[in-house]
Protein backbone atom coordinates (compact mmCIF):
# COMPACT_ATOMS: atom_id res chain seq x y z
CA UNK A 1 4.62 -3.96 -10.82
CA UNK A 2 5.83 -7.00 -8.93
CA UNK A 3 4.61 -8.25 -5.60
CA UNK A 4 7.90 -7.19 -4.01
CA UNK A 5 7.54 -3.62 -5.22
CA UNK A 6 4.01 -3.39 -3.93
CA UNK A 7 5.18 -4.78 -0.60
CA UNK A 8 7.75 -1.99 -0.38
CA UNK A 9 5.06 0.64 -0.93
CA UNK A 10 2.91 -0.93 1.80
CA UNK A 11 5.92 -1.09 4.11
CA UNK A 12 6.78 2.58 3.67
CA UNK A 13 3.33 4.15 3.62
CA UNK A 14 2.10 3.56 7.15
CA UNK A 15 0.10 5.82 9.47
CA UNK A 16 2.24 8.13 11.59
CA UNK A 17 1.52 9.14 15.16
CA UNK A 18 -0.33 12.30 14.02
CA UNK A 19 -2.49 10.42 11.50
CA UNK A 20 -0.43 11.42 8.48
CA UNK A 21 1.25 9.06 6.06
CA UNK A 22 4.80 8.45 7.29
CA UNK A 23 6.04 7.39 3.81
CA UNK A 24 4.78 10.54 2.07
CA UNK A 25 6.28 12.69 4.81
CA UNK A 26 9.66 10.95 4.62
CA UNK A 27 9.96 10.65 0.84
CA UNK A 28 8.36 13.86 -0.40
CA UNK A 29 7.75 16.04 2.67
CA UNK A 30 4.02 15.87 1.92
CA UNK A 31 1.55 16.11 4.77
CA UNK A 32 -0.89 13.56 3.40
CA UNK A 33 -3.56 11.97 5.59
CA UNK A 34 -3.36 8.21 5.91
CA UNK A 35 -4.31 6.28 3.85
CA UNK A 36 -2.57 8.17 1.07
CA UNK A 37 -3.01 7.44 -2.64
CA UNK A 38 0.02 5.14 -2.70
CA UNK A 39 -1.18 3.08 0.26
CA UNK A 40 -4.70 2.80 -1.21
CA UNK A 41 -3.33 1.70 -4.59
CA UNK A 42 -0.96 -0.89 -3.07
CA UNK A 43 -3.72 -2.28 -0.85
CA UNK A 44 -6.07 -2.70 -3.84
CA UNK A 45 -3.32 -4.32 -5.92
CA UNK A 46 -2.47 -6.72 -3.10
CA UNK A 47 -6.17 -7.60 -2.58
CA UNK A 48 -6.67 -8.31 -6.32
CA UNK A 49 -3.63 -10.63 -6.28
CA UNK A 50 -4.89 -12.48 -3.21
CA UNK A 51 -8.35 -12.87 -4.73
CA UNK A 52 -6.93 -14.10 -8.03
CA UNK A 53 -4.78 -16.70 -6.22
CA UNK A 54 -7.80 -17.83 -4.15
CA UNK A 55 -10.08 -18.15 -7.17
CA UNK A 56 -7.40 -20.01 -9.18
CA UNK A 57 -7.08 -22.48 -6.30
CA UNK A 58 -10.79 -23.32 -6.50
CA UNK A 59 -10.61 -24.51 -10.11
């Protein structure tokens, strides 16, 4: 996955007014609580990338 693709996942899978994931509801008609699996995965991926960039900058 690229950073752009992960950003799209994070952009789409946001909490809705009722506490459900708006991206899951819009894409698949799933009533998934937020954070859904896609949002959790994208957040972890983004955090690993940010950590890697930070640690590479310290060398």
